[in-house]
Amino acid sequence: MGRILWTCALVLLLTACGPDAPDRGGRETERADPEVRLIKAEAERVRSPDVTDEQVAELVGGNNDFAFKMYHEQGGTGNLIFSPYSISLAFSLAYAGARGETEAQMAETLNFLPQETQHPAFNAIEGRMSGLGEKGGGGPSPPFRLNVANSAWGQEGFRFEQAYLETLAAHYGAGLRPLDFGQPDDASEEINTWIEDETENRIKDLVSPKVISPSTRLMLVNAVYFKASWRSSFVESRTKDGPFTLLDDSEVTASLMRQSSYLPYSEGDGYEAVRLPYKGDAADMLVILPEEGRFEEVEGRLDAGFLDEVDEQIRPDEFVKLTMPRFDFETDLDLPESFDSMGMTAPFGGAADFGGITNEADLSIDDALHRANISVDEKGTEAAAVTLLDMSVSGTPEPVEMTLNRPFLFVIEERETGSLLFMGRVTDPE
């Protein structure tokens, strides 16, 4: 459990200040503000999920194994940052409605549990990790913060299965927010505003209007925000420019931070490693430094077993004179391409089966976006990530545009008897 950097504290606050709206497969809550509506199932958040410690540990282990698989899928030699926990959680929201081969492929690739235990287990992880934001103490440095939020955005008037809405509410604390995806500019702006709020403005403009298509019916979003101070900070006055050697043996100049502290330290075949605890000891950053010329070899060994090896060699209170660079960068992942390489194709095609979400139309994952960024400096670490799934109706044709910008006729017909109740024309709407 200690290796989960990305855990969740799901918080969706619903305040009452407006009238209810008609039922759309669930009960719409009262408005939280004039711009936000939430459709939430009758189920309340389950605070004591019916799941065993062994099942929770199995999900944690599966999530971590998936993290290593996703890491090795990325390839390349450039900087990389992503949140495997965010990806797992976002796809778990979709998994709740997956059936047949779609469900089977998601379970195999993402190491998910059976439906009856998957969602309570994720809920249990959140419950066990809640309250982490209270750790870290006072002082000039910011306290430990770890926030995870989920949201679901559904097409207005589209009917979603009650059982699916209940799963979102009971185990993910998420209500369904109605949008008109036929207005992509407004829809993308509203989702981006939510993402910016949940990530303290670190993730911006993830959803462009072009991402939203006429066939979009549901968007599932997970946002992670992490900020923590080092337990033992670097002294800013000791930060100096110095050389940093790249993989091709060329050099660049970097801002190198320095500290001398008692830290958990490890040495092994081809590497040395140090753990940098954050205030409150709820999390730490494990830094692994391969020997010169052995980066690719050590990187290729990166998996759960390798981390166990590092832990076995840890000397908990080694006096370490540590020099490391400040860094600040962002990564976008092409999730459909990565999952295709892993053999998970069913959720993305026309044969996808998400019948647990809706029986009104056939849904598939049209796109899956992931963006993460991280800043590390003398005081600590700030990071954020968002995963978004665009779920669309399969085979929806492009709309035909019809603009009534000239005189037109109209007829109001009673359908049972065919009686024409009203008819007329409009030649000047003003």
Protein backbone atom coordinates (compact mmCIF):
# COMPACT_ATOMS: atom_id res chain seq x y z
CA MET A 1 0.00 0.00 0.00
CA GLY A 2 2.90 2.31 0.71
CA ARG A 3 3.78 2.38 -2.94
CA ILE A 4 0.55 4.02 -4.05
CA LEU A 5 1.58 7.58 -4.77
CA TRP A 6 -1.73 8.26 -6.36
CA THR A 7 -4.55 7.43 -3.97
CA CYS A 8 -7.92 8.98 -3.70
CA ALA A 9 -9.96 11.27 -1.51
CA LEU A 10 -13.12 11.63 -3.56
CA VAL A 11 -15.06 14.78 -2.71
CA LEU A 12 -18.09 16.04 -4.63
CA LEU A 13 -19.96 18.65 -2.62
CA LEU A 14 -23.64 19.06 -3.43
CA THR A 15 -25.41 22.14 -2.09
CA ALA A 16 -29.11 22.84 -2.46
CA CYS A 17 -30.24 26.08 -4.00
CA GLY A 18 -32.61 25.34 -6.88
CA PRO A 19 -35.51 23.26 -8.13
CA ASP A 20 -35.40 19.62 -9.13
CA ALA A 21 -35.59 18.64 -12.79
CA PRO A 22 -37.35 15.69 -14.40
CA ASP A 23 -36.02 12.17 -13.98
CA ARG A 24 -33.50 10.96 -16.60
CA GLY A 25 -32.63 7.51 -15.36
CA GLY A 26 -31.84 8.86 -11.88
CA ARG A 27 -32.87 11.58 -9.45
CA GLU A 28 -31.52 15.02 -10.28
CA THR A 29 -30.20 16.75 -7.19
CA GLU A 30 -30.92 20.37 -6.49
CA ARG A 31 -28.61 22.81 -8.20
CA ALA A 32 -25.18 23.33 -6.62
CA ASP A 33 -25.03 26.72 -8.39
CA PRO A 34 -26.79 28.28 -11.38
CA GLU A 35 -24.39 26.56 -13.82
CA VAL A 36 -24.11 23.03 -12.38
CA ARG A 37 -26.70 20.27 -12.23
CA LEU A 38 -26.08 16.80 -10.89
CA ILE A 39 -28.15 13.74 -11.63
CA LYS A 40 -27.50 11.32 -8.80
CA ALA A 41 -28.94 7.91 -8.12
CA GLU A 42 -30.84 7.30 -4.91
CA ALA A 43 -27.86 5.37 -3.48
CA GLU A 44 -25.73 7.18 -0.92
CA ARG A 45 -21.96 6.82 -0.74
CA VAL A 46 -21.05 3.53 0.92
CA ARG A 47 -18.78 4.34 3.86
CA SER A 48 -18.02 0.74 4.86
CA PRO A 49 -17.67 -1.24 1.62
CA ASP A 50 -18.28 -4.99 1.85
CA VAL A 51 -14.80 -6.06 0.79
CA THR A 52 -11.95 -7.96 2.45
CA ASP A 53 -8.42 -6.79 3.10
CA GLU A 54 -7.22 -9.46 0.69
CA GLN A 55 -9.44 -8.13 -2.10
CA VAL A 56 -8.23 -4.57 -1.54
CA ALA A 57 -4.62 -5.77 -1.58
CA GLU A 58 -5.32 -7.68 -4.80
CA LEU A 59 -6.64 -4.54 -6.48
CA VAL A 60 -3.67 -2.50 -5.26
CA GLY A 61 -1.26 -5.11 -6.60
CA GLY A 62 -3.10 -5.28 -9.91
CA ASN A 63 -3.09 -1.49 -10.25
CA ASN A 64 0.64 -1.40 -9.54
CA ASP A 65 1.39 -4.15 -12.08
CA PHE A 66 -0.64 -2.21 -14.65
CA ALA A 67 1.44 0.89 -13.81
CA PHE A 68 4.64 -0.88 -14.85
CA LYS A 69 3.03 -2.24 -18.03
CA MET A 70 1.89 1.25 -19.01
CA TYR A 71 5.33 2.69 -18.24
CA HIS A 72 7.11 0.20 -20.49
CA GLU A 73 4.58 0.81 -23.29
CA GLN A 74 5.68 4.44 -23.59
CA GLY A 75 9.21 3.85 -24.86
CA GLY A 76 11.29 6.80 -25.99
CA THR A 77 13.98 8.61 -24.03
CA GLY A 78 12.34 11.93 -23.15
CA ASN A 79 10.88 13.04 -19.84
CA LEU A 80 7.78 11.11 -18.75
CA ILE A 81 5.15 11.66 -16.08
CA PHE A 82 1.77 9.95 -15.81
CA SER A 83 -0.65 8.81 -13.12
CA PRO A 84 -1.40 5.09 -13.41
CA TYR A 85 -3.86 5.43 -10.56
CA SER A 86 -5.83 8.07 -12.43
CA ILE A 87 -5.94 5.90 -15.55
CA SER A 88 -7.06 2.83 -13.59
CA LEU A 89 -9.75 4.78 -11.77
CA ALA A 90 -11.15 6.45 -14.90
CA PHE A 91 -11.36 3.12 -16.72
CA SER A 92 -12.97 1.55 -13.65
CA LEU A 93 -15.82 4.04 -14.07
CA ALA A 94 -16.36 2.66 -17.58
CA TYR A 95 -15.75 -0.94 -16.47
CA ALA A 96 -18.80 -0.66 -14.22
CA GLY A 97 -20.93 -0.70 -17.36
CA ALA A 98 -18.84 -3.08 -19.49
CA ARG A 99 -20.18 -6.48 -20.48
CA GLY A 100 -19.05 -9.52 -22.47
CA GLU A 101 -15.71 -9.40 -24.29
CA THR A 102 -15.33 -5.70 -23.49
CA GLU A 103 -15.50 -6.46 -19.77
CA ALA A 104 -13.12 -9.42 -20.11
CA GLN A 105 -10.45 -7.45 -21.99
CA MET A 106 -10.59 -4.56 -19.54
CA ALA A 107 -10.28 -6.92 -16.57
CA GLU A 108 -7.29 -8.71 -18.11
CA THR A 109 -5.38 -5.64 -19.28
CA LEU A 110 -6.05 -3.41 -16.29
CA ASN A 111 -5.90 -6.27 -13.73
CA PHE A 112 -9.40 -5.45 -12.50
CA LEU A 113 -11.37 -7.60 -10.06
CA PRO A 114 -14.82 -9.05 -10.80
CA GLN A 115 -17.53 -6.40 -10.89
CA GLU A 116 -18.94 -7.27 -7.48
CA THR A 117 -15.62 -6.56 -5.74
CA GLN A 118 -13.88 -4.08 -8.09
CA HIS A 119 -15.90 -1.02 -7.12
CA PRO A 120 -16.17 -1.67 -3.36
CA ALA A 121 -12.39 -2.25 -3.34
CA PHE A 122 -11.68 1.12 -4.99
CA ASN A 123 -14.10 2.69 -2.51
CA ALA A 124 -12.24 1.02 0.36
CA ILE A 125 -8.91 2.41 -0.85
CA GLU A 126 -10.38 5.90 -0.78
CA GLY A 127 -11.73 5.36 2.70
CA ARG A 128 -8.42 4.15 4.05
CA MET A 129 -6.53 7.02 2.49
CA SER A 130 -8.98 9.76 3.44
CA GLY A 131 -7.62 12.33 5.84
CA LEU A 132 -4.13 12.35 4.32
CA GLY A 133 -4.53 16.04 3.58
CA GLU A 134 -4.54 16.73 7.32
CA LYS A 135 -0.99 15.41 7.69
CA GLY A 136 2.19 17.39 7.38
CA GLY A 137 1.87 19.91 10.17
CA GLY A 138 2.29 23.65 10.00
CA GLY A 139 5.19 25.91 9.17
CA PRO A 140 5.94 27.99 6.08
CA SER A 141 5.83 24.98 3.74
CA PRO A 142 2.46 23.79 2.40
CA PRO A 143 0.87 20.78 4.15
CA PHE A 144 0.41 17.40 2.52
CA ARG A 145 -2.46 17.45 0.02
CA LEU A 146 -3.86 14.58 -1.97
CA ASN A 147 -7.20 15.05 -3.73
CA VAL A 148 -8.89 12.83 -6.27
CA ALA A 149 -12.25 13.61 -7.87
CA ASN A 150 -14.43 11.80 -10.40
CA SER A 151 -17.12 13.20 -12.62
CA ALA A 152 -19.46 11.90 -15.31
CA TRP A 153 -20.90 14.18 -17.98
CA GLY A 154 -23.91 12.85 -19.89
CA GLN A 155 -25.87 14.06 -22.89
CA GLU A 156 -29.08 15.80 -21.88
CA GLY A 157 -32.10 13.60 -22.52
CA PHE A 158 -30.04 10.42 -22.95
CA ARG A 159 -31.16 7.63 -20.62
CA PHE A 160 -28.56 5.91 -18.46
CA GLU A 161 -29.14 2.72 -16.48
CA GLN A 162 -30.17 3.27 -12.87
CA ALA A 163 -27.81 0.55 -11.62
CA TYR A 164 -24.88 2.27 -13.30
CA LEU A 165 -25.73 5.62 -11.70
CA GLU A 166 -25.99 3.88 -8.35
CA THR A 167 -22.48 2.44 -8.75
CA LEU A 168 -21.08 5.89 -9.54
CA ALA A 169 -22.79 7.33 -6.48
CA ALA A 170 -22.16 4.50 -4.03
CA HIS A 171 -18.50 3.77 -4.75
CA TYR A 172 -17.07 6.78 -6.59
CA GLY A 173 -18.99 9.67 -5.05
CA ALA A 174 -19.91 10.91 -8.52
CA GLY A 175 -23.16 12.30 -9.87
CA LEU A 176 -24.00 12.61 -13.55
CA ARG A 177 -23.75 16.17 -14.89
CA PRO A 178 -25.98 16.82 -17.92
CA LEU A 179 -24.48 18.65 -20.88
CA ASP A 180 -25.47 19.34 -24.46
CA PHE A 181 -22.57 17.92 -26.44
CA GLY A 182 -24.24 19.40 -29.53
CA GLN A 183 -22.74 22.67 -28.26
CA PRO A 184 -19.08 21.57 -28.12
CA ASP A 185 -17.65 24.98 -27.21
CA ASP A 186 -19.87 25.30 -24.13
CA ALA A 187 -19.48 21.64 -23.16
CA SER A 188 -15.68 21.67 -23.38
CA GLU A 189 -15.50 24.93 -21.45
CA GLU A 190 -17.57 23.50 -18.60
CA ILE A 191 -15.52 20.29 -18.35
CA ASN A 192 -12.24 22.20 -18.57
CA THR A 193 -13.36 24.53 -15.79
CA TRP A 194 -14.07 21.53 -13.55
CA ILE A 195 -10.65 20.03 -14.38
CA GLU A 196 -8.86 23.29 -13.65
CA ASP A 197 -10.66 23.64 -10.32
CA GLU A 198 -9.83 20.10 -9.25
CA THR A 199 -6.14 20.37 -10.24
CA GLU A 200 -5.48 23.86 -8.88
CA ASN A 201 -5.15 25.12 -12.48
CA ARG A 202 -2.26 22.77 -13.28
CA ILE A 203 -4.19 20.99 -16.06
CA LYS A 204 -5.75 23.43 -18.51
CA ASP A 205 -7.56 23.14 -21.83
CA LEU A 206 -7.43 19.33 -21.93
CA VAL A 207 -10.73 19.07 -23.80
CA SER A 208 -10.88 20.98 -27.06
CA PRO A 209 -14.24 21.37 -28.84
CA LYS A 210 -12.83 19.13 -31.58
CA VAL A 211 -12.66 16.21 -29.13
CA ILE A 212 -16.45 16.32 -28.75
CA SER A 213 -18.25 14.75 -31.70
CA PRO A 214 -21.94 14.61 -32.62
CA SER A 215 -21.96 11.04 -31.31
CA THR A 216 -20.59 11.86 -27.83
CA ARG A 217 -23.00 10.76 -25.11
CA LEU A 218 -20.84 10.39 -21.99
CA MET A 219 -17.52 11.67 -20.69
CA LEU A 220 -15.91 10.09 -17.63
CA VAL A 221 -13.22 12.16 -15.95
CA ASN A 222 -10.79 11.53 -13.12
CA ALA A 223 -8.59 14.29 -11.68
CA VAL A 224 -5.68 13.89 -9.26
CA TYR A 225 -3.92 16.69 -7.39
CA PHE A 226 -0.90 16.12 -5.14
CA LYS A 227 1.16 18.63 -3.18
CA ALA A 228 3.54 17.86 -0.36
CA SER A 229 6.57 19.31 1.38
CA TRP A 230 9.76 17.37 1.91
CA ARG A 231 10.24 16.17 5.47
CA SER A 232 13.82 17.36 5.03
CA SER A 233 13.88 20.34 2.68
CA PHE A 234 16.65 21.39 0.35
CA VAL A 235 18.25 24.72 1.27
CA GLU A 236 17.54 27.16 -1.56
CA SER A 237 20.76 29.08 -1.02
CA ARG A 238 22.72 25.90 -1.81
CA THR A 239 21.06 25.41 -5.21
CA LYS A 240 23.61 26.09 -7.94
CA ASP A 241 23.80 25.57 -11.69
CA GLY A 242 25.75 22.49 -12.68
CA PRO A 243 26.19 19.97 -15.49
CA PHE A 244 23.62 17.22 -16.16
CA THR A 245 24.68 14.46 -18.56
CA LEU A 246 22.06 13.27 -21.06
CA LEU A 247 21.68 9.72 -22.39
CA ASP A 248 23.72 10.61 -25.49
CA ASP A 249 26.57 11.79 -23.20
CA SER A 250 26.05 15.45 -24.06
CA GLU A 251 25.71 17.92 -21.21
CA VAL A 252 23.16 20.56 -20.27
CA THR A 253 23.12 23.01 -17.39
CA ALA A 254 20.59 22.31 -14.62
CA SER A 255 19.66 23.90 -11.30
CA LEU A 256 21.01 21.36 -8.81
CA MET A 257 19.55 21.26 -5.31
CA ARG A 258 21.60 20.00 -2.36
CA GLN A 259 20.95 18.62 1.10
CA SER A 260 22.73 16.43 3.64
CA SER A 261 20.28 14.34 5.68
CA TYR A 262 19.62 10.93 7.16
CA LEU A 263 17.53 9.20 4.49
CA PRO A 264 16.53 5.64 3.51
CA TYR A 265 19.24 4.61 1.04
CA SER A 266 19.83 1.48 -1.04
CA GLU A 267 22.48 0.06 -3.38
CA GLY A 268 22.08 -2.87 -5.74
CA ASP A 269 23.21 -4.35 -9.02
CA GLY A 270 23.65 -1.40 -11.34
CA TYR A 271 21.88 1.25 -9.28
CA GLU A 272 21.61 3.26 -6.09
CA ALA A 273 18.36 4.57 -4.66
CA VAL A 274 17.07 6.98 -2.03
CA ARG A 275 13.64 7.61 -0.57
CA LEU A 276 12.66 11.24 0.06
CA PRO A 277 9.83 11.26 2.62
CA TYR A 278 7.18 13.95 2.59
CA LYS A 279 5.91 15.61 5.74
CA GLY A 280 3.59 13.35 7.68
CA ASP A 281 5.26 10.23 6.25
CA ALA A 282 2.12 9.40 4.23
CA ALA A 283 4.13 9.19 0.99
CA ASP A 284 7.65 9.50 -0.34
CA MET A 285 9.50 9.80 -3.61
CA LEU A 286 11.76 6.88 -4.49
CA VAL A 287 14.60 8.03 -6.74
CA ILE A 288 16.58 5.32 -8.57
CA LEU A 289 19.91 6.27 -10.17
CA PRO A 290 21.32 3.68 -12.63
CA GLU A 291 25.06 3.36 -13.03
CA GLU A 292 26.59 5.16 -16.00
CA GLY A 293 25.86 3.26 -19.19
CA ARG A 294 23.23 0.99 -17.56
CA PHE A 295 20.11 3.19 -17.69
CA GLU A 296 18.23 1.08 -20.26
CA GLU A 297 19.15 -2.15 -18.46
CA VAL A 298 17.89 -0.93 -15.08
CA GLU A 299 14.81 0.68 -16.62
CA GLY A 300 13.96 -2.62 -18.30
CA ARG A 301 13.95 -4.34 -14.90
CA LEU A 302 11.45 -1.88 -13.42
CA ASP A 303 8.54 -3.84 -11.95
CA ALA A 304 7.08 -4.76 -8.58
CA GLY A 305 9.79 -7.34 -7.98
CA PHE A 306 12.52 -4.78 -8.63
CA LEU A 307 10.98 -2.40 -6.08
CA ASP A 308 10.93 -5.26 -3.59
CA GLU A 309 14.64 -5.76 -4.28
CA VAL A 310 15.29 -2.07 -3.63
CA ASP A 311 13.37 -2.25 -0.35
CA GLU A 312 15.30 -5.30 0.79
CA GLN A 313 18.54 -3.37 0.43
CA ILE A 314 17.29 -0.20 2.14
CA ARG A 315 19.38 1.16 5.00
CA PRO A 316 16.81 3.32 6.81
CA ASP A 317 19.06 6.00 8.32
CA GLU A 318 22.01 6.50 6.00
CA PHE A 319 23.62 9.93 6.06
CA VAL A 320 23.25 11.03 2.43
CA LYS A 321 24.77 14.04 0.73
CA LEU A 322 22.20 14.39 -2.02
CA THR A 323 22.35 16.50 -5.17
CA MET A 324 19.39 16.47 -7.57
CA PRO A 325 17.93 18.83 -10.15
CA ARG A 326 14.80 20.85 -9.91
CA PHE A 327 12.38 19.84 -12.66
CA ASP A 328 9.03 20.87 -14.06
CA PHE A 329 7.42 19.24 -17.10
CA GLU A 330 4.22 17.80 -18.57
CA THR A 331 3.31 14.68 -20.56
CA ASP A 332 0.33 13.70 -22.73
CA LEU A 333 -0.25 9.98 -23.30
CA ASP A 334 -1.99 8.37 -26.28
CA LEU A 335 -3.99 5.85 -24.26
CA PRO A 336 -5.84 4.11 -27.14
CA GLU A 337 -2.51 3.38 -28.84
CA SER A 338 -1.00 2.07 -25.59
CA PHE A 339 -3.96 -0.17 -24.86
CA ASP A 340 -4.00 -1.44 -28.43
CA SER A 341 -0.40 -2.61 -27.93
CA MET A 342 -1.51 -4.34 -24.72
CA GLY A 343 -4.27 -6.20 -26.58
CA MET A 344 -7.24 -4.25 -25.20
CA THR A 345 -9.19 -3.28 -28.31
CA ALA A 346 -12.84 -4.17 -27.59
CA PRO A 347 -13.77 -1.03 -25.60
CA PHE A 348 -12.63 1.23 -28.45
CA GLY A 349 -14.43 -0.36 -31.38
CA GLY A 350 -17.90 -0.69 -32.79
CA ALA A 351 -18.24 -4.08 -31.09
CA ALA A 352 -17.85 -2.58 -27.60
CA ASP A 353 -20.44 -3.67 -25.07
CA PHE A 354 -21.25 -1.11 -22.40
CA GLY A 355 -24.80 -2.31 -21.94
CA GLY A 356 -24.51 -1.71 -18.21
CA ILE A 357 -24.32 2.04 -18.83
CA THR A 358 -27.24 2.36 -21.21
CA ASN A 359 -29.52 0.27 -23.40
CA GLU A 360 -30.58 3.27 -25.45
CA ALA A 361 -27.68 2.94 -27.92
CA ASP A 362 -24.36 1.14 -28.40
CA LEU A 363 -21.54 3.04 -26.70
CA SER A 364 -17.80 2.70 -27.23
CA ILE A 365 -14.77 4.66 -26.01
CA ASP A 366 -14.10 7.04 -28.88
CA ASP A 367 -11.05 8.64 -27.26
CA ALA A 368 -9.08 8.47 -24.02
CA LEU A 369 -6.98 11.45 -22.95
CA HIS A 370 -4.36 11.58 -20.21
CA ARG A 371 -2.23 14.53 -19.15
CA ALA A 372 0.05 14.79 -16.14
CA ASN A 373 2.59 17.30 -14.91
CA ILE A 374 5.01 17.58 -12.00
CA SER A 375 7.11 20.29 -10.33
CA VAL A 376 9.91 19.40 -7.92
CA ASP A 377 11.86 22.08 -6.09
CA GLU A 378 13.56 22.76 -2.76
CA LYS A 379 10.29 22.77 -0.81
CA GLY A 380 8.59 19.69 -2.17
CA THR A 381 6.50 18.29 -5.00
CA GLU A 382 3.34 19.41 -6.79
CA ALA A 383 1.74 17.18 -9.39
CA ALA A 384 -1.58 16.75 -11.16
CA ALA A 385 -3.13 14.37 -13.66
CA VAL A 386 -6.40 13.98 -15.53
CA THR A 387 -7.81 11.02 -17.43
CA LEU A 388 -10.86 11.55 -19.66
CA LEU A 389 -12.87 8.94 -21.55
CA ASP A 390 -15.08 10.11 -24.42
CA MET A 391 -17.86 7.55 -24.84
CA SER A 392 -19.81 7.87 -28.05
CA VAL A 393 -22.65 6.26 -29.93
CA SER A 394 -21.34 3.93 -32.61
CA GLY A 395 -22.07 4.78 -36.22
CA THR A 396 -23.70 8.17 -35.70
CA PRO A 397 -23.74 10.07 -39.03
CA GLU A 398 -22.65 13.66 -39.35
CA PRO A 399 -25.60 15.99 -38.72
CA VAL A 400 -27.39 17.78 -41.55
CA GLU A 401 -27.41 21.52 -40.98
CA MET A 402 -30.69 23.39 -41.42
CA THR A 403 -30.74 27.11 -40.61
CA LEU A 404 -34.07 28.92 -40.57
CA ASN A 405 -32.72 32.29 -41.65
CA ARG A 406 -35.38 33.04 -44.29
CA PRO A 407 -39.20 32.81 -44.47
CA PHE A 408 -40.61 29.38 -43.67
CA LEU A 409 -43.90 27.53 -43.20
CA PHE A 410 -45.10 25.48 -40.23
CA VAL A 411 -47.88 23.02 -39.43
CA ILE A 412 -48.95 21.70 -36.01
CA GLU A 413 -50.48 18.27 -36.43
CA GLU A 414 -52.31 16.10 -33.93
CA ARG A 415 -50.68 12.72 -34.53
CA GLU A 416 -53.45 10.31 -33.45
CA THR A 417 -56.04 11.54 -36.00
CA GLY A 418 -53.88 13.53 -38.36
CA SER A 419 -55.85 16.72 -37.68
CA LEU A 420 -54.05 19.93 -38.57
CA LEU A 421 -54.40 22.08 -35.49
CA PHE A 422 -52.35 25.05 -36.62
CA MET A 423 -50.54 26.08 -39.76
CA GLY A 424 -48.90 29.24 -40.92
CA ARG A 425 -45.73 30.94 -42.06
CA VAL A 426 -42.98 33.11 -40.64
CA THR A 427 -41.70 35.86 -42.87
CA ASP A 428 -40.50 38.25 -40.16
CA PRO A 429 -39.70 36.68 -36.77
CA GLU A 430 -39.21 40.08 -35.17
